[in-house]
PDB file of N, CA and C in Angstrom:
ATOM      1  N   MET A   1       7.130   1.016  -6.843  1.00  0.00           N
ATOM      2  CA  MET A   1       7.955   0.343  -5.726  1.00  0.00           C
ATOM      3  C   MET A   1       8.223  -1.187  -5.829  1.00  0.00           C
ATOM      4  N   LEU A   2       7.215  -1.664  -6.754  1.00  0.00           N
ATOM      5  CA  LEU A   2       7.469  -3.177  -7.041  1.00  0.00           C
ATOM      6  C   LEU A   2       8.505  -3.430  -8.120  1.00  0.00           C
ATOM      7  N   PRO A   3       9.204  -4.382  -8.240  1.00  0.00           N
ATOM      8  CA  PRO A   3      10.103  -4.607  -9.249  1.00  0.00           C
ATOM      9  C   PRO A   3       9.319  -4.855 -10.486  1.00  0.00           C
ATOM     10  N   GLN A   4      10.066  -4.452 -11.674  1.00  0.00           N
ATOM     11  CA  GLN A   4       9.285  -4.694 -13.021  1.00  0.00           C
ATOM     12  C   GLN A   4       8.906  -5.961 -13.235  1.00  0.00           C
ATOM     13  N   ARG A   5       9.649  -7.077 -12.781  1.00  0.00           N
ATOM     14  CA  ARG A   5       9.170  -8.378 -13.051  1.00  0.00           C
ATOM     15  C   ARG A   5       8.104  -8.862 -12.320  1.00  0.00           C
ATOM     16  N   MET A   6       7.933  -8.274 -11.060  1.00  0.00           N
ATOM     17  CA  MET A   6       6.698  -8.583 -10.169  1.00  0.00           C
ATOM     18  C   MET A   6       5.397  -7.877 -10.731  1.00  0.00           C
ATOM     19  N   LYS A   7       5.578  -6.545 -11.215  1.00  0.00           N
ATOM     20  CA  LYS A   7       4.500  -5.852 -11.829  1.00  0.00           C
ATOM     21  C   LYS A   7       3.915  -6.673 -13.141  1.00  0.00           C
ATOM     22  N   LYS A   8       4.925  -7.061 -13.975  1.00  0.00           N
ATOM     23  CA  LYS A   8       4.384  -7.957 -15.031  1.00  0.00           C
ATOM     24  C   LYS A   8       3.601  -9.126 -14.728  1.00  0.00           C
ATOM     25  N   ALA A   9       4.220  -9.875 -13.677  1.00  0.00           N
ATOM     26  CA  ALA A   9       3.417 -11.163 -13.351  1.00  0.00           C
ATOM     27  C   ALA A   9       2.077 -10.879 -12.810  1.00  0.00           C
ATOM     28  N   ILE A  10       1.925  -9.571 -12.009  1.00  0.00           N
ATOM     29  CA  ILE A  10       0.759  -9.332 -11.442  1.00  0.00           C
ATOM     30  C   ILE A  10      -0.306  -8.907 -12.562  1.00  0.00           C
ATOM     31  N   THR A  11       0.206  -8.083 -13.515  1.00  0.00           N
ATOM     32  CA  THR A  11      -0.785  -7.668 -14.496  1.00  0.00           C
ATOM     33  C   THR A  11      -1.019  -8.812 -15.575  1.00  0.00           C
ATOM     34  N   ASP A  12      -0.196  -9.685 -15.804  1.00  0.00           N
ATOM     35  CA  ASP A  12      -0.511 -10.929 -16.486  1.00  0.00           C
ATOM     36  C   ASP A  12      -1.512 -11.757 -16.052  1.00  0.00           C
ATOM     37  N   ASN A  13      -1.490 -11.787 -14.749  1.00  0.00           N
ATOM     38  CA  ASN A  13      -2.518 -12.791 -14.078  1.00  0.00           C
ATOM     39  C   ASN A  13      -3.208 -12.136 -13.073  1.00  0.00           C
ATOM     40  N   PRO A  14      -4.337 -11.580 -13.355  1.00  0.00           N
ATOM     41  CA  PRO A  14      -5.093 -10.761 -12.353  1.00  0.00           C
ATOM     42  C   PRO A  14      -5.552 -11.486 -11.162  1.00  0.00           C
ATOM     43  N   LYS A  15      -5.714 -12.840 -11.053  1.00  0.00           N
ATOM     44  CA  LYS A  15      -5.925 -13.639  -9.893  1.00  0.00           C
ATOM     45  C   LYS A  15      -4.896 -13.301  -8.693  1.00  0.00           C
ATOM     46  N   LYS A  16      -3.615 -13.034  -9.172  1.00  0.00           N
ATOM     47  CA  LYS A  16      -2.492 -12.765  -8.293  1.00  0.00           C
ATOM     48  C   LYS A  16      -2.838 -11.454  -7.468  1.00  0.00           C
ATOM     49  N   LEU A  17      -3.260 -10.701  -8.227  1.00  0.00           N
ATOM     50  CA  LEU A  17      -3.594  -9.289  -7.721  1.00  0.00           C
ATOM     51  C   LEU A  17      -4.703  -9.441  -6.728  1.00  0.00           C
ATOM     52  N   ALA A  18      -5.839 -10.198  -7.058  1.00  0.00           N
ATOM     53  CA  ALA A  18      -6.974 -10.253  -6.330  1.00  0.00           C
ATOM     54  C   ALA A  18      -6.589 -10.990  -5.010  1.00  0.00           C
ATOM     55  N   ASN A  19      -5.621 -11.915  -5.047  1.00  0.00           N
ATOM     56  CA  ASN A  19      -5.060 -12.659  -3.884  1.00  0.00           C
ATOM     57  C   ASN A  19      -4.440 -11.718  -2.913  1.00  0.00           C
ATOM     58  N   LEU A  20      -3.784 -10.646  -3.393  1.00  0.00           N
ATOM     59  CA  LEU A  20      -2.994  -9.597  -2.498  1.00  0.00           C
ATOM     60  C   LEU A  20      -3.950  -8.680  -2.001  1.00  0.00           C
ATOM     61  N   ILE A  21      -5.127  -8.248  -2.662  1.00  0.00           N
ATOM     62  CA  ILE A  21      -5.928  -7.356  -1.996  1.00  0.00           C
ATOM     63  C   ILE A  21      -7.356  -7.827  -1.365  1.00  0.00           C
ATOM     64  N   ASP A  22      -7.565  -9.011  -1.539  1.00  0.00           N
ATOM     65  CA  ASP A  22      -8.803  -9.622  -0.818  1.00  0.00           C
ATOM     66  C   ASP A  22      -8.461  -9.544   0.740  1.00  0.00           C
ATOM     67  N   LEU A  23      -9.641  -9.368   1.407  1.00  0.00           N
ATOM     68  CA  LEU A  23      -9.425  -9.295   2.750  1.00  0.00           C
ATOM     69  C   LEU A  23      -9.458 -10.676   3.285  1.00  0.00           C
ATOM     70  N   VAL A  24      -8.737 -10.896   4.374  1.00  0.00           N
ATOM     71  CA  VAL A  24      -8.574 -12.136   5.025  1.00  0.00           C
ATOM     72  C   VAL A  24      -8.730 -11.935   6.672  1.00  0.00           C
ATOM     73  N   ASN A  25      -9.308 -12.932   7.109  1.00  0.00           N
ATOM     74  CA  ASN A  25      -9.341 -13.037   8.595  1.00  0.00           C
ATOM     75  C   ASN A  25      -7.978 -13.115   9.334  1.00  0.00           C
ATOM     76  N   LEU A  26      -7.746 -12.484  10.318  1.00  0.00           N
ATOM     77  CA  LEU A  26      -6.410 -12.577  10.991  1.00  0.00           C
ATOM     78  C   LEU A  26      -6.427 -13.448  12.105  1.00  0.00           C
ATOM     79  N   PRO A  27      -5.257 -14.115  12.335  1.00  0.00           N
ATOM     80  CA  PRO A  27      -5.152 -14.865  13.741  1.00  0.00           C
ATOM     81  C   PRO A  27      -5.207 -13.956  14.840  1.00  0.00           C
ATOM     82  N   SER A  28      -5.309 -14.315  16.115  1.00  0.00           N
ATOM     83  CA  SER A  28      -5.303 -13.377  17.190  1.00  0.00           C
ATOM     84  C   SER A  28      -4.103 -12.731  17.363  1.00  0.00           C
ATOM     85  N   THR A  29      -2.975 -13.290  17.184  1.00  0.00           N
ATOM     86  CA  THR A  29      -1.579 -12.470  17.373  1.00  0.00           C
ATOM     87  C   THR A  29      -1.345 -11.405  16.366  1.00  0.00           C
ATOM     88  N   LEU A  30      -1.901 -11.669  15.139  1.00  0.00           N
ATOM     89  CA  LEU A  30      -1.628 -10.572  14.127  1.00  0.00           C
ATOM     90  C   LEU A  30      -2.755  -9.604  14.390  1.00  0.00           C
ATOM     91  N   ARG A  31      -3.844  -9.986  14.783  1.00  0.00           N
ATOM     92  CA  ARG A  31      -5.155  -9.034  15.088  1.00  0.00           C
ATOM     93  C   ARG A  31      -4.583  -7.998  16.173  1.00  0.00           C
ATOM     94  N   GLU A  32      -3.921  -8.529  17.271  1.00  0.00           N
ATOM     95  CA  GLU A  32      -3.441  -7.599  18.297  1.00  0.00           C
ATOM     96  C   GLU A  32      -2.292  -6.652  17.536  1.00  0.00           C
ATOM     97  N   PHE A  33      -1.688  -7.182  16.890  1.00  0.00           N
ATOM     98  CA  PHE A  33      -0.430  -6.437  16.261  1.00  0.00           C
ATOM     99  C   PHE A  33      -0.910  -5.415  15.266  1.00  0.00           C
ATOM    100  N   VAL A  34      -1.682  -5.768  14.454  1.00  0.00           N
ATOM    101  CA  VAL A  34      -2.050  -4.919  13.451  1.00  0.00           C
ATOM    102  C   VAL A  34      -3.352  -3.909  13.868  1.00  0.00           C
ATOM    103  N   GLY A  35      -4.256  -4.421  14.939  1.00  0.00           N
ATOM    104  CA  GLY A  35      -5.160  -3.708  15.321  1.00  0.00           C
ATOM    105  C   GLY A  35      -6.554  -3.764  14.515  1.00  0.00           C
ATOM    106  N   GLN A  36      -6.711  -4.552  13.647  1.00  0.00           N
ATOM    107  CA  GLN A  36      -7.808  -4.842  12.805  1.00  0.00           C
ATOM    108  C   GLN A  36      -8.077  -6.482  12.681  1.00  0.00           C
ATOM    109  N   SER A  37      -9.292  -6.818  12.590  1.00  0.00           N
ATOM    110  CA  SER A  37      -9.763  -8.352  12.469  1.00  0.00           C
ATOM    111  C   SER A  37      -9.574  -8.638  11.068  1.00  0.00           C
ATOM    112  N   GLN A  38      -9.671  -7.924  10.109  1.00  0.00           N
ATOM    113  CA  GLN A  38      -9.561  -8.097   8.764  1.00  0.00           C
ATOM    114  C   GLN A  38      -8.622  -7.089   7.944  1.00  0.00           C
ATOM    115  N   ILE A  39      -7.781  -7.822   7.081  1.00  0.00           N
ATOM    116  CA  ILE A  39      -6.904  -6.809   6.320  1.00  0.00           C
ATOM    117  C   ILE A  39      -6.422  -7.566   5.049  1.00  0.00           C
ATOM    118  N   SER A  40      -6.000  -6.908   3.937  1.00  0.00           N
ATOM    119  CA  SER A  40      -5.581  -7.639   2.870  1.00  0.00           C
ATOM    120  C   SER A  40      -4.218  -8.086   3.157  1.00  0.00           C
ATOM    121  N   ARG A  41      -3.720  -8.965   2.308  1.00  0.00           N
ATOM    122  CA  ARG A  41      -2.281  -9.682   2.538  1.00  0.00           C
ATOM    123  C   ARG A  41      -1.256  -8.600   2.336  1.00  0.00           C
ATOM    124  N   LEU A  42      -1.593  -7.700   1.242  1.00  0.00           N
ATOM    125  CA  LEU A  42      -0.698  -6.468   1.064  1.00  0.00           C
ATOM    126  C   LEU A  42      -0.510  -5.742   2.264  1.00  0.00           C
ATOM    127  N   GLY A  43      -1.687  -5.423   2.749  1.00  0.00           N
ATOM    128  CA  GLY A  43      -1.841  -4.375   4.024  1.00  0.00           C
ATOM    129  C   GLY A  43      -1.061  -4.991   5.188  1.00  0.00           C
ATOM    130  N   CYS A  44      -1.250  -6.184   5.494  1.00  0.00           N
ATOM    131  CA  CYS A  44      -0.560  -6.902   6.602  1.00  0.00           C
ATOM    132  C   CYS A  44       0.958  -6.888   6.241  1.00  0.00           C
ATOM    133  N   PHE A  45       1.353  -7.250   5.102  1.00  0.00           N
ATOM    134  CA  PHE A  45       2.696  -7.037   4.862  1.00  0.00           C
ATOM    135  C   PHE A  45       3.331  -5.820   5.057  1.00  0.00           C
ATOM    136  N   MET A  46       2.486  -4.668   4.624  1.00  0.00           N
ATOM    137  CA  MET A  46       3.165  -3.384   4.744  1.00  0.00           C
ATOM    138  C   MET A  46       3.242  -3.018   6.290  1.00  0.00           C
ATOM    139  N   CYS A  47       2.174  -3.391   7.197  1.00  0.00           N
ATOM    140  CA  CYS A  47       2.346  -3.123   8.557  1.00  0.00           C
ATOM    141  C   CYS A  47       3.304  -3.717   9.102  1.00  0.00           C
ATOM    142  N   VAL A  48       3.646  -4.947   8.678  1.00  0.00           N
ATOM    143  CA  VAL A  48       4.854  -5.761   9.543  1.00  0.00           C
ATOM    144  C   VAL A  48       6.113  -5.157   8.874  1.00  0.00           C
ATOM    145  N   TRP A  49       6.199  -4.811   7.766  1.00  0.00           N
ATOM    146  CA  TRP A  49       7.357  -4.241   7.316  1.00  0.00           C
ATOM    147  C   TRP A  49       7.718  -2.796   7.807  1.00  0.00           C
ATOM    148  N   SER A  50       6.631  -1.977   7.926  1.00  0.00           N
ATOM    149  CA  SER A  50       6.946  -0.675   8.429  1.00  0.00           C
ATOM    150  C   SER A  50       7.291  -0.800   9.944  1.00  0.00           C
ATOM    151  N   TYR A  51       6.972  -1.790  10.715  1.00  0.00           N
ATOM    152  CA  TYR A  51       7.118  -1.966  12.097  1.00  0.00           C
ATOM    153  C   TYR A  51       8.754  -2.326  12.207  1.00  0.00           C
ATOM    154  N   ILE A  52       9.012  -3.286  11.215  1.00  0.00           N
ATOM    155  CA  ILE A  52      10.601  -3.698  11.048  1.00  0.00           C
ATOM    156  C   ILE A  52      11.379  -2.553  10.840  1.00  0.00           C
ATOM    157  N   LYS A  53      11.034  -1.750  10.020  1.00  0.00           N
ATOM    158  CA  LYS A  53      11.757  -0.485   9.658  1.00  0.00           C
ATOM    159  C   LYS A  53      11.828   0.508  10.636  1.00  0.00           C
ATOM    160  N   ALA A  54      10.830   0.686  11.440  1.00  0.00           N
ATOM    161  CA  ALA A  54      10.667   1.704  12.443  1.00  0.00           C
ATOM    162  C   ALA A  54      11.422   1.306  13.637  1.00  0.00           C
ATOM    163  N   ASN A  55      11.520  -0.038  14.100  1.00  0.00           N
ATOM    164  CA  ASN A  55      12.231  -0.454  15.153  1.00  0.00           C
ATOM    165  C   ASN A  55      13.494  -0.894  14.775  1.00  0.00           C
ATOM    166  N   ASN A  56      14.101  -0.742  13.643  1.00  0.00           N
ATOM    167  CA  ASN A  56      15.366  -1.085  13.246  1.00  0.00           C
ATOM    168  C   ASN A  56      15.647  -2.502  13.403  1.00  0.00           C
ATOM    169  N   LEU A  57      14.786  -3.401  12.946  1.00  0.00           N
ATOM    170  CA  LEU A  57      14.892  -4.845  13.040  1.00  0.00           C
ATOM    171  C   LEU A  57      15.384  -5.548  11.903  1.00  0.00           C
ATOM    172  N   GLN A  58      15.753  -5.017  10.860  1.00  0.00           N
ATOM    173  CA  GLN A  58      16.127  -5.479   9.610  1.00  0.00           C
ATOM    174  C   GLN A  58      17.498  -6.073   9.957  1.00  0.00           C
ATOM    175  N   VAL A  59      18.066  -7.305   9.664  1.00  0.00           N
ATOM    176  CA  VAL A  59      19.270  -7.781   9.656  1.00  0.00           C
ATOM    177  C   VAL A  59      20.316  -6.957   8.739  1.00  0.00           C
ATOM    178  N   PRO A  60      21.220  -6.355   9.334  1.00  0.00           N
ATOM    179  CA  PRO A  60      22.089  -5.509   8.555  1.00  0.00           C
ATOM    180  C   PRO A  60      22.838  -6.584   7.550  1.00  0.00           C
ATOM    181  N   PRO A  61      23.279  -6.064   6.324  1.00  0.00           N
ATOM    182  CA  PRO A  61      23.983  -6.765   5.355  1.00  0.00           C
ATOM    183  C   PRO A  61      25.437  -7.426   5.993  1.00  0.00           C
ATOM    184  N   LEU A  62      25.719  -8.501   5.536  1.00  0.00           N
ATOM    185  CA  LEU A  62      26.868  -9.066   5.933  1.00  0.00           C
ATOM    186  C   LEU A  62      28.187  -8.570   5.264  1.00  0.00           C
ATOM    187  N   PHE A  63      29.229  -8.188   5.747  1.00  0.00           N
ATOM    188  CA  PHE A  63      30.376  -7.671   4.895  1.00  0.00           C
ATOM    189  C   PHE A  63      31.491  -8.782   4.959  1.00  0.00           C
ATOM    190  N   PHE A  64      31.941  -9.214   3.955  1.00  0.00           N
ATOM    191  CA  PHE A  64      33.063 -10.278   3.826  1.00  0.00           C
ATOM    192  C   PHE A  64      34.376  -9.559   3.718  1.00  0.00           C
TER     193      PHE A  64
END
């Protein structure tokens, strides 16, 4: 699902991958939203994105 350019950047620099999958402590607002006190950055992004898609909150593309 990741663009090829992003995959290459992550595989070339393993620290970037570690930053995405390391657990972080969430602030109280995100903790209530996600339902966990710790989650990876990637996991948090996926939770927020699935909420946006499920509730149709994505801004529709502009037509000129």
